């Protein structure tokens, strides 16, 4: 005889995740490289000096760069903080 009180999750529900989003910085003609890199370093968690500069160069060369990807709530926070620092931002892209 098999007695179990465990709950079986439906596979489709178990794979459900929180909505994700992308934070994208746009190129502009008034923010300096140093300002953009410093903003990324101070606002985006885990950002290294090298990564901040690489992303800043990508913004300049390509017109935009994804600087963070994750859950929507964190994306909104980082987006708002970067806007407050004066960076030109694309609307948050949901993934």
PDB file of N, CA and C in Angstrom:
ATOM      1  N   UNK A   1       0.837  -1.187   0.000  1.00  0.00           N
ATOM      2  CA  UNK A   1       0.000   0.000   0.000  1.00  0.00           C
ATOM      3  C   UNK A   1       0.877   1.243   0.000  1.00  0.00           C
ATOM      4  N   UNK A   2       0.493   2.254  -0.783  1.00  0.00           N
ATOM      5  CA  UNK A   2       1.306   3.459  -0.968  1.00  0.00           C
ATOM      6  C   UNK A   2       0.539   4.660  -0.453  1.00  0.00           C
ATOM      7  N   UNK A   3       1.021   5.270   0.597  1.00  0.00           N
ATOM      8  CA  UNK A   3       0.422   6.489   1.139  1.00  0.00           C
ATOM      9  C   UNK A   3       1.360   7.651   0.900  1.00  0.00           C
ATOM     10  N   UNK A   4       0.832   8.699   0.323  1.00  0.00           N
ATOM     11  CA  UNK A   4       1.664   9.868   0.068  1.00  0.00           C
ATOM     12  C   UNK A   4       0.834  11.120   0.257  1.00  0.00           C
ATOM     13  N   UNK A   5       1.407  12.073   0.893  1.00  0.00           N
ATOM     14  CA  UNK A   5       0.727  13.359   1.074  1.00  0.00           C
ATOM     15  C   UNK A   5       1.384  14.443   0.236  1.00  0.00           C
ATOM     16  N   UNK A   6       2.302  14.047  -0.646  1.00  0.00           N
ATOM     17  CA  UNK A   6       2.977  15.049  -1.475  1.00  0.00           C
ATOM     18  C   UNK A   6       2.037  15.544  -2.561  1.00  0.00           C
ATOM     19  N   UNK A   7       2.308  16.730  -3.020  1.00  0.00           N
ATOM     20  CA  UNK A   7       1.513  17.362  -4.066  1.00  0.00           C
ATOM     21  C   UNK A   7       2.262  17.269  -5.375  1.00  0.00           C
ATOM     22  N   UNK A   8       1.551  16.883  -6.409  1.00  0.00           N
ATOM     23  CA  UNK A   8       2.154  16.831  -7.743  1.00  0.00           C
ATOM     24  C   UNK A   8       1.808  18.124  -8.453  1.00  0.00           C
ATOM     25  N   UNK A   9       2.824  18.789  -8.946  1.00  0.00           N
ATOM     26  CA  UNK A   9       2.604  20.016  -9.691  1.00  0.00           C
ATOM     27  C   UNK A   9       2.404  19.690 -11.151  1.00  0.00           C
ATOM     28  N   UNK A  10       1.545  20.412 -11.797  1.00  0.00           N
ATOM     29  CA  UNK A  10       1.380  20.248 -13.231  1.00  0.00           C
ATOM     30  C   UNK A  10       2.608  20.830 -13.920  1.00  0.00           C
ATOM     31  N   UNK A  11       3.200  20.101 -14.849  1.00  0.00           N
ATOM     32  CA  UNK A  11       4.448  20.573 -15.481  1.00  0.00           C
ATOM     33  C   UNK A  11       4.346  21.965 -16.087  1.00  0.00           C
ATOM     34  N   UNK A  12       3.242  22.280 -16.736  1.00  0.00           N
ATOM     35  CA  UNK A  12       3.121  23.602 -17.357  1.00  0.00           C
ATOM     36  C   UNK A  12       3.107  24.702 -16.306  1.00  0.00           C
ATOM     37  N   UNK A  13       2.451  24.466 -15.197  1.00  0.00           N
ATOM     38  CA  UNK A  13       2.406  25.467 -14.128  1.00  0.00           C
ATOM     39  C   UNK A  13       3.750  25.569 -13.422  1.00  0.00           C
ATOM     40  N   UNK A  14       4.439  24.463 -13.269  1.00  0.00           N
ATOM     41  CA  UNK A  14       5.732  24.468 -12.581  1.00  0.00           C
ATOM     42  C   UNK A  14       6.767  25.256 -13.381  1.00  0.00           C
ATOM     43  N   UNK A  15       6.627  25.288 -14.695  1.00  0.00           N
ATOM     44  CA  UNK A  15       7.588  26.000 -15.532  1.00  0.00           C
ATOM     45  C   UNK A  15       7.267  27.484 -15.668  1.00  0.00           C
ATOM     46  N   UNK A  16       6.099  27.892 -15.184  1.00  0.00           N
ATOM     47  CA  UNK A  16       5.722  29.308 -15.292  1.00  0.00           C
ATOM     48  C   UNK A  16       6.732  30.149 -14.520  1.00  0.00           C
ATOM     49  N   UNK A  17       7.067  31.305 -15.060  1.00  0.00           N
ATOM     50  CA  UNK A  17       8.032  32.171 -14.401  1.00  0.00           C
ATOM     51  C   UNK A  17       7.485  33.588 -14.336  1.00  0.00           C
ATOM     52  N   UNK A  18       8.149  34.386 -13.552  1.00  0.00           N
ATOM     53  CA  UNK A  18       7.760  35.783 -13.468  1.00  0.00           C
ATOM     54  C   UNK A  18       8.094  36.478 -14.781  1.00  0.00           C
ATOM     55  N   UNK A  19       7.315  37.487 -15.155  1.00  0.00           N
ATOM     56  CA  UNK A  19       7.609  38.192 -16.408  1.00  0.00           C
ATOM     57  C   UNK A  19       9.014  38.797 -16.372  1.00  0.00           C
ATOM     58  N   UNK A  20       9.685  38.702 -17.491  1.00  0.00           N
ATOM     59  CA  UNK A  20      11.021  39.257 -17.600  1.00  0.00           C
ATOM     60  C   UNK A  20      11.000  40.541 -18.405  1.00  0.00           C
ATOM     61  N   UNK A  21      12.103  41.268 -18.343  1.00  0.00           N
ATOM     62  CA  UNK A  21      12.193  42.538 -19.063  1.00  0.00           C
ATOM     63  C   UNK A  21      13.647  42.860 -19.355  1.00  0.00           C
ATOM     64  N   UNK A  22      13.831  43.732 -20.350  1.00  0.00           N
ATOM     65  CA  UNK A  22      15.153  44.205 -20.748  1.00  0.00           C
ATOM     66  C   UNK A  22      15.253  45.707 -20.498  1.00  0.00           C
ATOM     67  N   UNK A  23      16.394  46.142 -19.981  1.00  0.00           N
ATOM     68  CA  UNK A  23      16.676  47.562 -19.779  1.00  0.00           C
ATOM     69  C   UNK A  23      17.699  47.958 -20.841  1.00  0.00           C
ATOM     70  N   UNK A  24      17.331  48.953 -21.660  1.00  0.00           N
ATOM     71  CA  UNK A  24      18.163  49.337 -22.802  1.00  0.00           C
ATOM     72  C   UNK A  24      18.484  50.822 -22.752  1.00  0.00           C
ATOM     73  N   UNK A  25      19.779  51.135 -22.815  1.00  0.00           N
ATOM     74  CA  UNK A  25      20.246  52.525 -22.869  1.00  0.00           C
ATOM     75  C   UNK A  25      20.397  52.913 -24.333  1.00  0.00           C
ATOM     76  N   UNK A  26      19.955  54.124 -24.665  1.00  0.00           N
ATOM     77  CA  UNK A  26      20.053  54.650 -26.026  1.00  0.00           C
ATOM     78  C   UNK A  26      21.163  55.693 -26.118  1.00  0.00           C
ATOM     79  N   UNK A  27      21.727  55.814 -27.284  1.00  0.00           N
ATOM     80  CA  UNK A  27      22.749  56.826 -27.540  1.00  0.00           C
ATOM     81  C   UNK A  27      22.105  58.208 -27.585  1.00  0.00           C
ATOM     82  N   UNK A  28      22.831  59.200 -27.134  1.00  0.00           N
ATOM     83  CA  UNK A  28      22.384  60.589 -27.246  1.00  0.00           C
ATOM     84  C   UNK A  28      23.607  61.463 -27.457  1.00  0.00           C
ATOM     85  N   UNK A  29      23.386  62.743 -27.634  1.00  0.00           N
ATOM     86  CA  UNK A  29      24.496  63.635 -27.945  1.00  0.00           C
ATOM     87  C   UNK A  29      24.964  64.459 -26.748  1.00  0.00           C
ATOM     88  N   UNK A  30      24.436  64.169 -25.561  1.00  0.00           N
ATOM     89  CA  UNK A  30      24.793  65.019 -24.425  1.00  0.00           C
ATOM     90  C   UNK A  30      25.396  64.290 -23.234  1.00  0.00           C
ATOM     91  N   UNK A  31      25.187  62.992 -23.061  1.00  0.00           N
ATOM     92  CA  UNK A  31      25.817  62.267 -21.958  1.00  0.00           C
ATOM     93  C   UNK A  31      27.215  61.827 -22.367  1.00  0.00           C
ATOM     94  N   UNK A  32      28.170  62.044 -21.469  1.00  0.00           N
ATOM     95  CA  UNK A  32      29.549  61.647 -21.742  1.00  0.00           C
ATOM     96  C   UNK A  32      29.722  60.143 -21.501  1.00  0.00           C
ATOM     97  N   UNK A  33      30.774  59.593 -22.090  1.00  0.00           N
ATOM     98  CA  UNK A  33      31.094  58.188 -21.853  1.00  0.00           C
ATOM     99  C   UNK A  33      31.256  57.939 -20.351  1.00  0.00           C
ATOM    100  N   UNK A  34      31.976  58.829 -19.696  1.00  0.00           N
ATOM    101  CA  UNK A  34      32.245  58.658 -18.264  1.00  0.00           C
ATOM    102  C   UNK A  34      30.946  58.637 -17.468  1.00  0.00           C
ATOM    103  N   UNK A  35      30.013  59.526 -17.783  1.00  0.00           N
ATOM    104  CA  UNK A  35      28.743  59.580 -17.057  1.00  0.00           C
ATOM    105  C   UNK A  35      27.936  58.289 -17.257  1.00  0.00           C
ATOM    106  N   UNK A  36      27.849  57.822 -18.498  1.00  0.00           N
ATOM    107  CA  UNK A  36      27.098  56.591 -18.772  1.00  0.00           C
ATOM    108  C   UNK A  36      27.729  55.420 -18.028  1.00  0.00           C
ATOM    109  N   UNK A  37      29.036  55.263 -18.129  1.00  0.00           N
ATOM    110  CA  UNK A  37      29.720  54.160 -17.455  1.00  0.00           C
ATOM    111  C   UNK A  37      29.536  54.235 -15.946  1.00  0.00           C
ATOM    112  N   UNK A  38      29.663  55.434 -15.373  1.00  0.00           N
ATOM    113  CA  UNK A  38      29.476  55.595 -13.926  1.00  0.00           C
ATOM    114  C   UNK A  38      28.055  55.239 -13.496  1.00  0.00           C
ATOM    115  N   UNK A  39      27.054  55.636 -14.286  1.00  0.00           N
ATOM    116  CA  UNK A  39      25.664  55.307 -13.975  1.00  0.00           C
ATOM    117  C   UNK A  39      25.463  53.791 -13.964  1.00  0.00           C
ATOM    118  N   UNK A  40      26.004  53.122 -14.966  1.00  0.00           N
ATOM    119  CA  UNK A  40      25.866  51.666 -15.027  1.00  0.00           C
ATOM    120  C   UNK A  40      26.544  51.004 -13.828  1.00  0.00           C
ATOM    121  N   UNK A  41      27.719  51.502 -13.469  1.00  0.00           N
ATOM    122  CA  UNK A  41      28.454  50.938 -12.330  1.00  0.00           C
ATOM    123  C   UNK A  41      27.699  51.106 -11.015  1.00  0.00           C
ATOM    124  N   UNK A  42      27.076  52.243 -10.826  1.00  0.00           N
ATOM    125  CA  UNK A  42      26.427  52.516  -9.540  1.00  0.00           C
ATOM    126  C   UNK A  42      25.011  51.955  -9.445  1.00  0.00           C
ATOM    127  N   UNK A  43      24.359  51.716 -10.560  1.00  0.00           N
ATOM    128  CA  UNK A  43      22.950  51.305 -10.523  1.00  0.00           C
ATOM    129  C   UNK A  43      22.748  49.817 -10.822  1.00  0.00           C
ATOM    130  N   UNK A  44      23.457  49.273 -11.769  1.00  0.00           N
ATOM    131  CA  UNK A  44      23.245  47.879 -12.173  1.00  0.00           C
ATOM    132  C   UNK A  44      24.093  46.962 -11.286  1.00  0.00           C
ATOM    133  N   UNK A  45      23.451  46.063 -10.536  1.00  0.00           N
ATOM    134  CA  UNK A  45      24.203  45.173  -9.640  1.00  0.00           C
ATOM    135  C   UNK A  45      25.171  44.273 -10.401  1.00  0.00           C
ATOM    136  N   UNK A  46      26.346  44.086  -9.831  1.00  0.00           N
ATOM    137  CA  UNK A  46      27.334  43.193 -10.407  1.00  0.00           C
ATOM    138  C   UNK A  46      28.051  43.739 -11.636  1.00  0.00           C
ATOM    139  N   UNK A  47      27.841  44.989 -11.944  1.00  0.00           N
ATOM    140  CA  UNK A  47      28.471  45.592 -13.120  1.00  0.00           C
ATOM    141  C   UNK A  47      29.947  45.845 -12.819  1.00  0.00           C
ATOM    142  N   UNK A  48      30.805  45.371 -13.712  1.00  0.00           N
ATOM    143  CA  UNK A  48      32.246  45.614 -13.567  1.00  0.00           C
ATOM    144  C   UNK A  48      32.625  46.857 -14.362  1.00  0.00           C
ATOM    145  N   UNK A  49      33.803  47.396 -14.067  1.00  0.00           N
ATOM    146  CA  UNK A  49      34.307  48.550 -14.815  1.00  0.00           C
ATOM    147  C   UNK A  49      34.388  48.223 -16.310  1.00  0.00           C
ATOM    148  N   UNK A  50      34.967  47.062 -16.619  1.00  0.00           N
ATOM    149  CA  UNK A  50      35.132  46.676 -18.017  1.00  0.00           C
ATOM    150  C   UNK A  50      33.785  46.530 -18.713  1.00  0.00           C
ATOM    151  N   UNK A  51      32.844  45.874 -18.077  1.00  0.00           N
ATOM    152  CA  UNK A  51      31.514  45.674 -18.682  1.00  0.00           C
ATOM    153  C   UNK A  51      30.821  47.017 -18.885  1.00  0.00           C
ATOM    154  N   UNK A  52      30.920  47.919 -17.917  1.00  0.00           N
ATOM    155  CA  UNK A  52      30.295  49.246 -18.044  1.00  0.00           C
ATOM    156  C   UNK A  52      30.864  49.989 -19.251  1.00  0.00           C
ATOM    157  N   UNK A  53      32.185  49.951 -19.421  1.00  0.00           N
ATOM    158  CA  UNK A  53      32.806  50.624 -20.557  1.00  0.00           C
ATOM    159  C   UNK A  53      32.456  49.940 -21.873  1.00  0.00           C
ATOM    160  N   UNK A  54      32.440  48.597 -21.880  1.00  0.00           N
ATOM    161  CA  UNK A  54      32.064  47.864 -23.097  1.00  0.00           C
ATOM    162  C   UNK A  54      30.634  48.227 -23.524  1.00  0.00           C
ATOM    163  N   UNK A  55      29.719  48.294 -22.569  1.00  0.00           N
ATOM    164  CA  UNK A  55      28.332  48.653 -22.886  1.00  0.00           C
ATOM    165  C   UNK A  55      28.223  50.102 -23.346  1.00  0.00           C
ATOM    166  N   UNK A  56      28.990  50.985 -22.725  1.00  0.00           N
ATOM    167  CA  UNK A  56      28.980  52.394 -23.115  1.00  0.00           C
ATOM    168  C   UNK A  56      29.464  52.553 -24.561  1.00  0.00           C
ATOM    169  N   UNK A  57      30.501  51.840 -24.913  1.00  0.00           N
ATOM    170  CA  UNK A  57      31.015  51.875 -26.290  1.00  0.00           C
ATOM    171  C   UNK A  57      29.982  51.290 -27.251  1.00  0.00           C
ATOM    172  N   UNK A  58      29.310  50.215 -26.832  1.00  0.00           N
ATOM    173  CA  UNK A  58      28.277  49.625 -27.682  1.00  0.00           C
ATOM    174  C   UNK A  58      27.126  50.610 -27.919  1.00  0.00           C
ATOM    175  N   UNK A  59      26.726  51.335 -26.877  1.00  0.00           N
ATOM    176  CA  UNK A  59      25.672  52.353 -27.029  1.00  0.00           C
ATOM    177  C   UNK A  59      26.108  53.367 -28.084  1.00  0.00           C
ATOM    178  N   UNK A  60      27.349  53.817 -27.993  1.00  0.00           N
ATOM    179  CA  UNK A  60      27.849  54.818 -28.930  1.00  0.00           C
ATOM    180  C   UNK A  60      27.926  54.272 -30.364  1.00  0.00           C
ATOM    181  N   UNK A  61      28.415  53.053 -30.507  1.00  0.00           N
ATOM    182  CA  UNK A  61      28.611  52.475 -31.844  1.00  0.00           C
ATOM    183  C   UNK A  61      27.323  51.959 -32.481  1.00  0.00           C
ATOM    184  N   UNK A  62      26.449  51.379 -31.671  1.00  0.00           N
ATOM    185  CA  UNK A  62      25.245  50.719 -32.201  1.00  0.00           C
ATOM    186  C   UNK A  62      23.966  51.516 -32.009  1.00  0.00           C
ATOM    187  N   UNK A  63      24.029  52.530 -31.169  1.00  0.00           N
ATOM    188  CA  UNK A  63      22.833  53.318 -30.895  1.00  0.00           C
ATOM    189  C   UNK A  63      22.061  52.867 -29.677  1.00  0.00           C
ATOM    190  N   UNK A  64      22.359  51.653 -29.190  1.00  0.00           N
ATOM    191  CA  UNK A  64      21.696  51.156 -27.981  1.00  0.00           C
ATOM    192  C   UNK A  64      22.438  49.935 -27.458  1.00  0.00           C
ATOM    193  N   UNK A  65      22.163  49.607 -26.189  1.00  0.00           N
ATOM    194  CA  UNK A  65      22.716  48.392 -25.595  1.00  0.00           C
ATOM    195  C   UNK A  65      21.821  47.940 -24.460  1.00  0.00           C
ATOM    196  N   UNK A  66      21.595  46.635 -24.406  1.00  0.00           N
ATOM    197  CA  UNK A  66      20.888  46.050 -23.269  1.00  0.00           C
ATOM    198  C   UNK A  66      21.860  46.024 -22.098  1.00  0.00           C
ATOM    199  N   UNK A  67      21.495  46.679 -21.001  1.00  0.00           N
ATOM    200  CA  UNK A  67      22.394  46.763 -19.854  1.00  0.00           C
ATOM    201  C   UNK A  67      21.975  45.857 -18.706  1.00  0.00           C
ATOM    202  N   UNK A  68      20.734  45.357 -18.773  1.00  0.00           N
ATOM    203  CA  UNK A  68      20.261  44.436 -17.730  1.00  0.00           C
ATOM    204  C   UNK A  68      19.060  43.675 -18.252  1.00  0.00           C
ATOM    205  N   UNK A  69      18.925  42.425 -17.804  1.00  0.00           N
ATOM    206  CA  UNK A  69      17.770  41.590 -18.148  1.00  0.00           C
ATOM    207  C   UNK A  69      17.392  40.796 -16.901  1.00  0.00           C
ATOM    208  N   UNK A  70      16.104  40.783 -16.598  1.00  0.00           N
ATOM    209  CA  UNK A  70      15.638  40.052 -15.419  1.00  0.00           C
ATOM    210  C   UNK A  70      14.161  40.295 -15.195  1.00  0.00           C
ATOM    211  N   UNK A  71      13.742  40.177 -13.932  1.00  0.00           N
ATOM    212  CA  UNK A  71      12.312  40.321 -13.652  1.00  0.00           C
ATOM    213  C   UNK A  71      11.854  41.771 -13.831  1.00  0.00           C
ATOM    214  N   UNK A  72      10.597  41.915 -14.133  1.00  0.00           N
ATOM    215  CA  UNK A  72      10.029  43.223 -14.494  1.00  0.00           C
ATOM    216  C   UNK A  72      10.166  44.248 -13.372  1.00  0.00           C
ATOM    217  N   UNK A  73       9.999  43.815 -12.129  1.00  0.00           N
ATOM    218  CA  UNK A  73      10.064  44.772 -11.017  1.00  0.00           C
ATOM    219  C   UNK A  73      11.450  45.395 -10.904  1.00  0.00           C
ATOM    220  N   UNK A  74      12.487  44.567 -10.987  1.00  0.00           N
ATOM    221  CA  UNK A  74      13.860  45.084 -10.932  1.00  0.00           C
ATOM    222  C   UNK A  74      14.149  45.937 -12.149  1.00  0.00           C
ATOM    223  N   UNK A  75      13.678  45.513 -13.308  1.00  0.00           N
ATOM    224  CA  UNK A  75      13.901  46.284 -14.538  1.00  0.00           C
ATOM    225  C   UNK A  75      13.314  47.683 -14.400  1.00  0.00           C
ATOM    226  N   UNK A  76      12.111  47.773 -13.848  1.00  0.00           N
ATOM    227  CA  UNK A  76      11.478  49.085 -13.658  1.00  0.00           C
ATOM    228  C   UNK A  76      12.300  49.960 -12.724  1.00  0.00           C
ATOM    229  N   UNK A  77      12.829  49.366 -11.665  1.00  0.00           N
ATOM    230  CA  UNK A  77      13.651  50.120 -10.718  1.00  0.00           C
ATOM    231  C   UNK A  77      14.919  50.654 -11.389  1.00  0.00           C
ATOM    232  N   UNK A  78      15.658  49.791 -12.083  1.00  0.00           N
ATOM    233  CA  UNK A  78      16.903  50.219 -12.721  1.00  0.00           C
ATOM    234  C   UNK A  78      16.627  51.232 -13.827  1.00  0.00           C
ATOM    235  N   UNK A  79      15.572  51.021 -14.574  1.00  0.00           N
ATOM    236  CA  UNK A  79      15.185  51.950 -15.643  1.00  0.00           C
ATOM    237  C   UNK A  79      14.927  53.339 -15.053  1.00  0.00           C
ATOM    238  N   UNK A  80      14.135  53.387 -14.006  1.00  0.00           N
ATOM    239  CA  UNK A  80      13.805  54.670 -13.364  1.00  0.00           C
ATOM    240  C   UNK A  80      15.055  55.359 -12.827  1.00  0.00           C
ATOM    241  N   UNK A  81      15.940  54.597 -12.203  1.00  0.00           N
ATOM    242  CA  UNK A  81      17.164  55.179 -11.652  1.00  0.00           C
ATOM    243  C   UNK A  81      18.065  55.732 -12.757  1.00  0.00           C
ATOM    244  N   UNK A  82      18.167  55.024 -13.866  1.00  0.00           N
ATOM    245  CA  UNK A  82      18.985  55.502 -14.978  1.00  0.00           C
ATOM    246  C   UNK A  82      18.372  56.750 -15.615  1.00  0.00           C
ATOM    247  N   UNK A  83      17.055  56.792 -15.722  1.00  0.00           N
ATOM    248  CA  UNK A  83      16.379  57.995 -16.234  1.00  0.00           C
ATOM    249  C   UNK A  83      16.667  59.180 -15.325  1.00  0.00           C
ATOM    250  N   UNK A  84      16.601  58.969 -14.017  1.00  0.00           N
ATOM    251  CA  UNK A  84      16.862  60.056 -13.057  1.00  0.00           C
ATOM    252  C   UNK A  84      18.285  60.588 -13.162  1.00  0.00           C
ATOM    253  N   UNK A  85      19.206  59.740 -13.599  1.00  0.00           N
ATOM    254  CA  UNK A  85      20.595  60.166 -13.793  1.00  0.00           C
ATOM    255  C   UNK A  85      20.793  60.872 -15.128  1.00  0.00           C
ATOM    256  N   UNK A  86      19.723  60.943 -15.941  1.00  0.00           N
ATOM    257  CA  UNK A  86      19.788  61.671 -17.188  1.00  0.00           C
ATOM    258  C   UNK A  86      20.078  60.848 -18.421  1.00  0.00           C
ATOM    259  N   UNK A  87      20.149  59.518 -18.287  1.00  0.00           N
ATOM    260  CA  UNK A  87      20.415  58.704 -19.466  1.00  0.00           C
ATOM    261  C   UNK A  87      19.174  58.625 -20.340  1.00  0.00           C
ATOM    262  N   UNK A  88      19.403  58.469 -21.628  1.00  0.00           N
ATOM    263  CA  UNK A  88      18.303  58.314 -22.590  1.00  0.00           C
ATOM    264  C   UNK A  88      17.994  56.827 -22.662  1.00  0.00           C
ATOM    265  N   UNK A  89      16.755  56.483 -22.359  1.00  0.00           N
ATOM    266  CA  UNK A  89      16.373  55.089 -22.225  1.00  0.00           C
ATOM    267  C   UNK A  89      15.275  54.693 -23.207  1.00  0.00           C
ATOM    268  N   UNK A  90      15.372  53.459 -23.699  1.00  0.00           N
ATOM    269  CA  UNK A  90      14.263  52.888 -24.475  1.00  0.00           C
ATOM    270  C   UNK A  90      13.188  52.462 -23.471  1.00  0.00           C
ATOM    271  N   UNK A  91      11.948  52.366 -23.912  1.00  0.00           N
ATOM    272  CA  UNK A  91      10.922  51.808 -23.025  1.00  0.00           C
ATOM    273  C   UNK A  91      11.337  50.394 -22.601  1.00  0.00           C
ATOM    274  N   UNK A  92      10.926  50.005 -21.420  1.00  0.00           N
ATOM    275  CA  UNK A  92      11.238  48.650 -20.935  1.00  0.00           C
ATOM    276  C   UNK A  92      10.618  47.637 -21.901  1.00  0.00           C
ATOM    277  N   UNK A  93      11.415  46.681 -22.322  1.00  0.00           N
ATOM    278  CA  UNK A  93      10.940  45.625 -23.215  1.00  0.00           C
ATOM    279  C   UNK A  93      10.662  44.379 -22.401  1.00  0.00           C
ATOM    280  N   UNK A  94       9.421  43.913 -22.452  1.00  0.00           N
ATOM    281  CA  UNK A  94       9.083  42.668 -21.757  1.00  0.00           C
ATOM    282  C   UNK A  94       9.550  41.483 -22.597  1.00  0.00           C
ATOM    283  N   UNK A  95      10.044  40.456 -21.898  1.00  0.00           N
ATOM    284  CA  UNK A  95      10.534  39.260 -22.590  1.00  0.00           C
ATOM    285  C   UNK A  95       9.623  38.086 -22.335  1.00  0.00           C
TER     286      UNK A  95
END
